PDB file of N, CA and C in Angstrom:
ATOM      1  N   MET A   1     -22.180  16.237  14.363  1.00  0.00           N
ATOM      2  CA  MET A   1     -22.333  15.929  15.778  1.00  0.00           C
ATOM      3  C   MET A   1     -21.014  16.245  16.471  1.00  0.00           C
ATOM      4  N   THR A   2     -21.100  17.000  17.527  1.00  0.00           N
ATOM      5  CA  THR A   2     -19.889  17.365  18.246  1.00  0.00           C
ATOM      6  C   THR A   2     -19.423  16.218  19.125  1.00  0.00           C
ATOM      7  N   GLU A   3     -18.147  16.297  19.462  1.00  0.00           N
ATOM      8  CA  GLU A   3     -17.559  15.228  20.274  1.00  0.00           C
ATOM      9  C   GLU A   3     -18.166  15.193  21.675  1.00  0.00           C
ATOM     10  N   SER A   4     -18.480  16.355  22.230  1.00  0.00           N
ATOM     11  CA  SER A   4     -19.060  16.383  23.575  1.00  0.00           C
ATOM     12  C   SER A   4     -20.465  15.763  23.580  1.00  0.00           C
ATOM     13  N   LYS A   5     -21.244  15.997  22.506  1.00  0.00           N
ATOM     14  CA  LYS A   5     -22.568  15.366  22.411  1.00  0.00           C
ATOM     15  C   LYS A   5     -22.435  13.857  22.276  1.00  0.00           C
ATOM     16  N   SER A   6     -21.454  13.444  21.500  1.00  0.00           N
ATOM     17  CA  SER A   6     -21.223  12.019  21.303  1.00  0.00           C
ATOM     18  C   SER A   6     -20.836  11.342  22.623  1.00  0.00           C
ATOM     19  N   LYS A   7     -19.968  11.988  23.386  1.00  0.00           N
ATOM     20  CA  LYS A   7     -19.565  11.426  24.686  1.00  0.00           C
ATOM     21  C   LYS A   7     -20.736  11.386  25.654  1.00  0.00           C
ATOM     22  N   ALA A   8     -21.555  12.419  25.636  1.00  0.00           N
ATOM     23  CA  ALA A   8     -22.732  12.450  26.515  1.00  0.00           C
ATOM     24  C   ALA A   8     -23.707  11.347  26.139  1.00  0.00           C
ATOM     25  N   TYR A   9     -23.871  11.114  24.841  1.00  0.00           N
ATOM     26  CA  TYR A   9     -24.742  10.053  24.355  1.00  0.00           C
ATOM     27  C   TYR A   9     -24.284   8.694  24.884  1.00  0.00           C
ATOM     28  N   TRP A  10     -22.999   8.396  24.731  1.00  0.00           N
ATOM     29  CA  TRP A  10     -22.487   7.094  25.159  1.00  0.00           C
ATOM     30  C   TRP A  10     -22.482   6.960  26.677  1.00  0.00           C
ATOM     31  N   LYS A  11     -22.245   8.068  27.368  1.00  0.00           N
ATOM     32  CA  LYS A  11     -22.287   8.019  28.829  1.00  0.00           C
ATOM     33  C   LYS A  11     -23.687   7.656  29.310  1.00  0.00           C
ATOM     34  N   GLU A  12     -24.693   8.256  28.708  1.00  0.00           N
ATOM     35  CA  GLU A  12     -26.073   7.955  29.075  1.00  0.00           C
ATOM     36  C   GLU A  12     -26.457   6.526  28.664  1.00  0.00           C
ATOM     37  N   ASN A  13     -25.979   6.099  27.508  1.00  0.00           N
ATOM     38  CA  ASN A  13     -26.231   4.741  27.029  1.00  0.00           C
ATOM     39  C   ASN A  13     -25.644   3.711  27.998  1.00  0.00           C
ATOM     40  N   ILE A  14     -24.425   3.914  28.417  1.00  0.00           N
ATOM     41  CA  ILE A  14     -23.768   2.987  29.349  1.00  0.00           C
ATOM     42  C   ILE A  14     -24.482   2.989  30.696  1.00  0.00           C
ATOM     43  N   ARG A  15     -24.958   4.150  31.121  1.00  0.00           N
ATOM     44  CA  ARG A  15     -25.710   4.226  32.380  1.00  0.00           C
ATOM     45  C   ARG A  15     -26.973   3.385  32.296  1.00  0.00           C
ATOM     46  N   TYR A  16     -27.700   3.472  31.171  1.00  0.00           N
ATOM     47  CA  TYR A  16     -28.887   2.635  30.972  1.00  0.00           C
ATOM     48  C   TYR A  16     -28.526   1.154  31.023  1.00  0.00           C
ATOM     49  N   LEU A  17     -27.438   0.791  30.369  1.00  0.00           N
ATOM     50  CA  LEU A  17     -27.019  -0.613  30.364  1.00  0.00           C
ATOM     51  C   LEU A  17     -26.722  -1.116  31.769  1.00  0.00           C
ATOM     52  N   TYR A  18     -26.003  -0.330  32.551  1.00  0.00           N
ATOM     53  CA  TYR A  18     -25.683  -0.737  33.925  1.00  0.00           C
ATOM     54  C   TYR A  18     -26.941  -0.917  34.763  1.00  0.00           C
ATOM     55  N   ILE A  19     -27.886  -0.006  34.623  1.00  0.00           N
ATOM     56  CA  ILE A  19     -29.129  -0.099  35.395  1.00  0.00           C
ATOM     57  C   ILE A  19     -29.916  -1.350  34.999  1.00  0.00           C
ATOM     58  N   LEU A  20     -30.070  -1.576  33.696  1.00  0.00           N
ATOM     59  CA  LEU A  20     -30.840  -2.729  33.231  1.00  0.00           C
ATOM     60  C   LEU A  20     -30.151  -4.051  33.570  1.00  0.00           C
ATOM     61  N   LEU A  21     -28.841  -4.089  33.466  1.00  0.00           N
ATOM     62  CA  LEU A  21     -28.116  -5.306  33.841  1.00  0.00           C
ATOM     63  C   LEU A  21     -28.200  -5.559  35.346  1.00  0.00           C
ATOM     64  N   ALA A  22     -28.214  -4.492  36.142  1.00  0.00           N
ATOM     65  CA  ALA A  22     -28.364  -4.651  37.587  1.00  0.00           C
ATOM     66  C   ALA A  22     -29.737  -5.243  37.921  1.00  0.00           C
ATOM     67  N   VAL A  23     -30.779  -4.781  37.226  1.00  0.00           N
ATOM     68  CA  VAL A  23     -32.112  -5.334  37.439  1.00  0.00           C
ATOM     69  C   VAL A  23     -32.127  -6.815  37.074  1.00  0.00           C
ATOM     70  N   TRP A  24     -31.543  -7.146  35.938  1.00  0.00           N
ATOM     71  CA  TRP A  24     -31.505  -8.548  35.520  1.00  0.00           C
ATOM     72  C   TRP A  24     -30.720  -9.400  36.525  1.00  0.00           C
ATOM     73  N   PHE A  25     -29.610  -8.875  37.036  1.00  0.00           N
ATOM     74  CA  PHE A  25     -28.816  -9.589  38.029  1.00  0.00           C
ATOM     75  C   PHE A  25     -29.633  -9.833  39.298  1.00  0.00           C
ATOM     76  N   LEU A  26     -30.335  -8.798  39.742  1.00  0.00           N
ATOM     77  CA  LEU A  26     -31.137  -8.943  40.953  1.00  0.00           C
ATOM     78  C   LEU A  26     -32.215 -10.003  40.791  1.00  0.00           C
ATOM     79  N   VAL A  27     -32.859 -10.022  39.644  1.00  0.00           N
ATOM     80  CA  VAL A  27     -33.927 -10.988  39.423  1.00  0.00           C
ATOM     81  C   VAL A  27     -33.366 -12.397  39.240  1.00  0.00           C
ATOM     82  N   SER A  28     -32.333 -12.534  38.411  1.00  0.00           N
ATOM     83  CA  SER A  28     -31.842 -13.879  38.097  1.00  0.00           C
ATOM     84  C   SER A  28     -30.972 -14.462  39.200  1.00  0.00           C
ATOM     85  N   PHE A  29     -30.043 -13.696  39.737  1.00  0.00           N
ATOM     86  CA  PHE A  29     -29.114 -14.253  40.721  1.00  0.00           C
ATOM     87  C   PHE A  29     -29.643 -14.131  42.146  1.00  0.00           C
ATOM     88  N   VAL A  30     -30.019 -12.904  42.519  1.00  0.00           N
ATOM     89  CA  VAL A  30     -30.441 -12.690  43.905  1.00  0.00           C
ATOM     90  C   VAL A  30     -31.775 -13.376  44.180  1.00  0.00           C
ATOM     91  N   ALA A  31     -32.799 -13.099  43.360  1.00  0.00           N
ATOM     92  CA  ALA A  31     -34.114 -13.696  43.612  1.00  0.00           C
ATOM     93  C   ALA A  31     -34.134 -15.178  43.272  1.00  0.00           C
ATOM     94  N   GLY A  32     -33.429 -15.578  42.206  1.00  0.00           N
ATOM     95  CA  GLY A  32     -33.479 -16.967  41.769  1.00  0.00           C
ATOM     96  C   GLY A  32     -32.559 -17.903  42.512  1.00  0.00           C
ATOM     97  N   ILE A  33     -31.492 -17.372  43.114  1.00  0.00           N
ATOM     98  CA  ILE A  33     -30.524 -18.255  43.771  1.00  0.00           C
ATOM     99  C   ILE A  33     -30.368 -17.920  45.257  1.00  0.00           C
ATOM    100  N   MET A  34     -30.018 -16.658  45.549  1.00  0.00           N
ATOM    101  CA  MET A  34     -29.710 -16.306  46.940  1.00  0.00           C
ATOM    102  C   MET A  34     -30.944 -16.270  47.841  1.00  0.00           C
ATOM    103  N   LEU A  35     -32.064 -15.768  47.325  1.00  0.00           N
ATOM    104  CA  LEU A  35     -33.279 -15.663  48.137  1.00  0.00           C
ATOM    105  C   LEU A  35     -34.281 -16.771  47.840  1.00  0.00           C
ATOM    106  N   LYS A  36     -33.815 -17.819  47.208  1.00  0.00           N
ATOM    107  CA  LYS A  36     -34.690 -18.918  46.802  1.00  0.00           C
ATOM    108  C   LYS A  36     -35.465 -19.498  47.976  1.00  0.00           C
ATOM    109  N   ASP A  37     -34.791 -19.765  49.070  1.00  0.00           N
ATOM    110  CA  ASP A  37     -35.453 -20.384  50.221  1.00  0.00           C
ATOM    111  C   ASP A  37     -36.505 -19.472  50.836  1.00  0.00           C
ATOM    112  N   VAL A  38     -36.221 -18.184  50.891  1.00  0.00           N
ATOM    113  CA  VAL A  38     -37.193 -17.235  51.442  1.00  0.00           C
ATOM    114  C   VAL A  38     -38.399 -17.127  50.515  1.00  0.00           C
ATOM    115  N   LEU A  39     -38.147 -17.037  49.206  1.00  0.00           N
ATOM    116  CA  LEU A  39     -39.227 -16.882  48.234  1.00  0.00           C
ATOM    117  C   LEU A  39     -40.062 -18.154  48.068  1.00  0.00           C
ATOM    118  N   ASN A  40     -39.482 -19.292  48.415  1.00  0.00           N
ATOM    119  CA  ASN A  40     -40.221 -20.554  48.270  1.00  0.00           C
ATOM    120  C   ASN A  40     -41.398 -20.670  49.237  1.00  0.00           C
ATOM    121  N   ASP A  41     -41.489 -19.763  50.207  1.00  0.00           N
ATOM    122  CA  ASP A  41     -42.643 -19.756  51.108  1.00  0.00           C
ATOM    123  C   ASP A  41     -43.902 -19.249  50.398  1.00  0.00           C
ATOM    124  N   PHE A  42     -43.730 -18.603  49.258  1.00  0.00           N
ATOM    125  CA  PHE A  42     -44.841 -18.058  48.483  1.00  0.00           C
ATOM    126  C   PHE A  42     -45.020 -18.870  47.208  1.00  0.00           C
ATOM    127  N   LYS A  43     -46.235 -18.863  46.674  1.00  0.00           N
ATOM    128  CA  LYS A  43     -46.497 -19.613  45.438  1.00  0.00           C
ATOM    129  C   LYS A  43     -47.022 -18.687  44.364  1.00  0.00           C
ATOM    130  N   LEU A  44     -46.677 -19.013  43.130  1.00  0.00           N
ATOM    131  CA  LEU A  44     -47.146 -18.277  41.953  1.00  0.00           C
ATOM    132  C   LEU A  44     -47.548 -19.311  40.911  1.00  0.00           C
ATOM    133  N   GLY A  45     -48.812 -19.373  40.608  1.00  0.00           N
ATOM    134  CA  GLY A  45     -49.298 -20.344  39.634  1.00  0.00           C
ATOM    135  C   GLY A  45     -49.106 -21.780  40.069  1.00  0.00           C
ATOM    136  N   GLY A  46     -49.115 -22.024  41.365  1.00  0.00           N
ATOM    137  CA  GLY A  46     -48.948 -23.375  41.878  1.00  0.00           C
ATOM    138  C   GLY A  46     -47.504 -23.791  42.092  1.00  0.00           C
ATOM    139  N   PHE A  47     -46.556 -22.919  41.719  1.00  0.00           N
ATOM    140  CA  PHE A  47     -45.133 -23.227  41.883  1.00  0.00           C
ATOM    141  C   PHE A  47     -44.533 -22.335  42.955  1.00  0.00           C
ATOM    142  N   LYS A  48     -43.517 -22.821  43.628  1.00  0.00           N
ATOM    143  CA  LYS A  48     -42.824 -22.013  44.618  1.00  0.00           C
ATOM    144  C   LYS A  48     -42.181 -20.823  43.912  1.00  0.00           C
ATOM    145  N   LEU A  49     -42.257 -19.661  44.538  1.00  0.00           N
ATOM    146  CA  LEU A  49     -41.800 -18.425  43.904  1.00  0.00           C
ATOM    147  C   LEU A  49     -40.300 -18.439  43.607  1.00  0.00           C
ATOM    148  N   GLY A  50     -39.497 -19.016  44.491  1.00  0.00           N
ATOM    149  CA  GLY A  50     -38.058 -19.116  44.246  1.00  0.00           C
ATOM    150  C   GLY A  50     -37.763 -19.952  43.012  1.00  0.00           C
ATOM    151  N   PHE A  51     -38.465 -21.054  42.876  1.00  0.00           N
ATOM    152  CA  PHE A  51     -38.321 -21.903  41.694  1.00  0.00           C
ATOM    153  C   PHE A  51     -38.751 -21.144  40.447  1.00  0.00           C
ATOM    154  N   TRP A  52     -39.871 -20.410  40.549  1.00  0.00           N
ATOM    155  CA  TRP A  52     -40.378 -19.665  39.398  1.00  0.00           C
ATOM    156  C   TRP A  52     -39.373 -18.632  38.923  1.00  0.00           C
ATOM    157  N   PHE A  53     -38.774 -17.874  39.850  1.00  0.00           N
ATOM    158  CA  PHE A  53     -37.768 -16.887  39.460  1.00  0.00           C
ATOM    159  C   PHE A  53     -36.568 -17.548  38.806  1.00  0.00           C
ATOM    160  N   ALA A  54     -36.130 -18.680  39.333  1.00  0.00           N
ATOM    161  CA  ALA A  54     -34.966 -19.355  38.786  1.00  0.00           C
ATOM    162  C   ALA A  54     -35.242 -19.930  37.404  1.00  0.00           C
ATOM    163  N   GLN A  55     -36.454 -20.432  37.173  1.00  0.00           N
ATOM    164  CA  GLN A  55     -36.757 -21.115  35.919  1.00  0.00           C
ATOM    165  C   GLN A  55     -37.404 -20.223  34.866  1.00  0.00           C
ATOM    166  N   GLN A  56     -38.305 -19.351  35.264  1.00  0.00           N
ATOM    167  CA  GLN A  56     -39.071 -18.562  34.297  1.00  0.00           C
ATOM    168  C   GLN A  56     -38.880 -17.068  34.462  1.00  0.00           C
ATOM    169  N   GLY A  57     -38.883 -16.604  35.681  1.00  0.00           N
ATOM    170  CA  GLY A  57     -38.887 -15.172  35.951  1.00  0.00           C
ATOM    171  C   GLY A  57     -37.734 -14.414  35.332  1.00  0.00           C
ATOM    172  N   SER A  58     -36.534 -14.979  35.419  1.00  0.00           N
ATOM    173  CA  SER A  58     -35.381 -14.264  34.869  1.00  0.00           C
ATOM    174  C   SER A  58     -35.472 -14.146  33.349  1.00  0.00           C
ATOM    175  N   MET A  59     -36.050 -15.137  32.690  1.00  0.00           N
ATOM    176  CA  MET A  59     -36.210 -15.050  31.232  1.00  0.00           C
ATOM    177  C   MET A  59     -37.258 -14.013  30.855  1.00  0.00           C
ATOM    178  N   TYR A  60     -38.377 -14.002  31.579  1.00  0.00           N
ATOM    179  CA  TYR A  60     -39.414 -13.001  31.302  1.00  0.00           C
ATOM    180  C   TYR A  60     -38.890 -11.594  31.537  1.00  0.00           C
ATOM    181  N   VAL A  61     -38.185 -11.416  32.639  1.00  0.00           N
ATOM    182  CA  VAL A  61     -37.629 -10.098  32.941  1.00  0.00           C
ATOM    183  C   VAL A  61     -36.626  -9.692  31.874  1.00  0.00           C
ATOM    184  N   PHE A  62     -35.811 -10.609  31.396  1.00  0.00           N
ATOM    185  CA  PHE A  62     -34.836 -10.304  30.355  1.00  0.00           C
ATOM    186  C   PHE A  62     -35.533  -9.816  29.086  1.00  0.00           C
ATOM    187  N   VAL A  63     -36.596 -10.469  28.688  1.00  0.00           N
ATOM    188  CA  VAL A  63     -37.330 -10.055  27.484  1.00  0.00           C
ATOM    189  C   VAL A  63     -37.949  -8.669  27.687  1.00  0.00           C
ATOM    190  N   VAL A  64     -38.526  -8.426  28.852  1.00  0.00           N
ATOM    191  CA  VAL A  64     -39.090  -7.108  29.145  1.00  0.00           C
ATOM    192  C   VAL A  64     -37.990  -6.044  29.133  1.00  0.00           C
ATOM    193  N   LEU A  65     -36.831  -6.374  29.676  1.00  0.00           N
ATOM    194  CA  LEU A  65     -35.721  -5.422  29.692  1.00  0.00           C
ATOM    195  C   LEU A  65     -35.237  -5.093  28.279  1.00  0.00           C
ATOM    196  N   ILE A  66     -35.326  -6.031  27.366  1.00  0.00           N
ATOM    197  CA  ILE A  66     -34.967  -5.756  25.973  1.00  0.00           C
ATOM    198  C   ILE A  66     -35.890  -4.686  25.400  1.00  0.00           C
ATOM    199  N   PHE A  67     -37.197  -4.824  25.637  1.00  0.00           N
ATOM    200  CA  PHE A  67     -38.147  -3.833  25.139  1.00  0.00           C
ATOM    201  C   PHE A  67     -37.942  -2.474  25.812  1.00  0.00           C
ATOM    202  N   ILE A  68     -37.628  -2.482  27.099  1.00  0.00           N
ATOM    203  CA  ILE A  68     -37.344  -1.230  27.798  1.00  0.00           C
ATOM    204  C   ILE A  68     -36.100  -0.571  27.211  1.00  0.00           C
ATOM    205  N   TYR A  69     -35.067  -1.363  26.943  1.00  0.00           N
ATOM    206  CA  TYR A  69     -33.838  -0.826  26.362  1.00  0.00           C
ATOM    207  C   TYR A  69     -34.098  -0.220  24.981  1.00  0.00           C
ATOM    208  N   VAL A  70     -34.883  -0.876  24.169  1.00  0.00           N
ATOM    209  CA  VAL A  70     -35.213  -0.347  22.839  1.00  0.00           C
ATOM    210  C   VAL A  70     -35.923   0.993  22.978  1.00  0.00           C
ATOM    211  N   ARG A  71     -36.874   1.054  23.879  1.00  0.00           N
ATOM    212  CA  ARG A  71     -37.607   2.308  24.083  1.00  0.00           C
ATOM    213  C   ARG A  71     -36.684   3.425  24.574  1.00  0.00           C
ATOM    214  N   LEU A  72     -35.829   3.097  25.551  1.00  0.00           N
ATOM    215  CA  LEU A  72     -34.887   4.089  26.063  1.00  0.00           C
ATOM    216  C   LEU A  72     -33.929   4.565  24.980  1.00  0.00           C
ATOM    217  N   MET A  73     -33.459   3.638  24.156  1.00  0.00           N
ATOM    218  CA  MET A  73     -32.507   4.015  23.106  1.00  0.00           C
ATOM    219  C   MET A  73     -33.178   4.848  22.022  1.00  0.00           C
ATOM    220  N   ASN A  74     -34.427   4.569  21.708  1.00  0.00           N
ATOM    221  CA  ASN A  74     -35.138   5.399  20.734  1.00  0.00           C
ATOM    222  C   ASN A  74     -35.275   6.827  21.246  1.00  0.00           C
ATOM    223  N   LYS A  75     -35.599   6.978  22.531  1.00  0.00           N
ATOM    224  CA  LYS A  75     -35.684   8.316  23.119  1.00  0.00           C
ATOM    225  C   LYS A  75     -34.315   8.993  23.139  1.00  0.00           C
ATOM    226  N   LEU A  76     -33.293   8.229  23.468  1.00  0.00           N
ATOM    227  CA  LEU A  76     -31.933   8.777  23.517  1.00  0.00           C
ATOM    228  C   LEU A  76     -31.466   9.186  22.127  1.00  0.00           C
ATOM    229  N   ASP A  77     -31.763   8.390  21.130  1.00  0.00           N
ATOM    230  CA  ASP A  77     -31.404   8.732  19.756  1.00  0.00           C
ATOM    231  C   ASP A  77     -32.073  10.035  19.321  1.00  0.00           C
ATOM    232  N   LYS A  78     -33.339  10.204  19.665  1.00  0.00           N
ATOM    233  CA  LYS A  78     -34.048  11.446  19.325  1.00  0.00           C
ATOM    234  C   LYS A  78     -33.443  12.626  20.070  1.00  0.00           C
ATOM    235  N   LYS A  79     -33.104  12.407  21.337  1.00  0.00           N
ATOM    236  CA  LYS A  79     -32.544  13.481  22.149  1.00  0.00           C
ATOM    237  C   LYS A  79     -31.237  14.015  21.579  1.00  0.00           C
ATOM    238  N   TYR A  80     -30.392  13.123  21.054  1.00  0.00           N
ATOM    239  CA  TYR A  80     -29.085  13.523  20.531  1.00  0.00           C
ATOM    240  C   TYR A  80     -29.026  13.615  19.006  1.00  0.00           C
ATOM    241  N   GLY A  81     -30.143  13.418  18.353  1.00  0.00           N
ATOM    242  CA  GLY A  81     -30.189  13.593  16.900  1.00  0.00           C
ATOM    243  C   GLY A  81     -29.668  12.439  16.090  1.00  0.00           C
ATOM    244  N   TYR A  82     -29.641  11.248  16.642  1.00  0.00           N
ATOM    245  CA  TYR A  82     -29.194  10.060  15.908  1.00  0.00           C
ATOM    246  C   TYR A  82     -30.358   9.284  15.290  1.00  0.00           C
ATOM    247  N   ASP A  83     -31.548   9.823  15.346  1.00  0.00           N
ATOM    248  CA  ASP A  83     -32.720   9.098  14.874  1.00  0.00           C
ATOM    249  C   ASP A  83     -32.982   9.280  13.382  1.00  0.00           C
ATOM    250  N   LYS A  84     -32.162   9.994  12.708  1.00  0.00           N
ATOM    251  CA  LYS A  84     -32.406  10.281  11.284  1.00  0.00           C
ATOM    252  C   LYS A  84     -31.743   9.289  10.371  1.00  0.00           C
TER     253      LYS A  84
END
């Protein structure tokens, strides 16, 4: 594996991490804390939406993001030949 391929691999990997962490931040901090009062006007399963994001939503999104990251990394590994 050449050094340039290795650097490209890690650059793409870090880009995926930043994107996924930004999504998690938006769901957990922005939706669960900053926009709580606005979201509380809506209900999900009988609970206020702001409360739901703060208590459950961020955990569900985190688990989904783990599966997305695994899928992205499997594709990235195949793309750069690290899947063997």
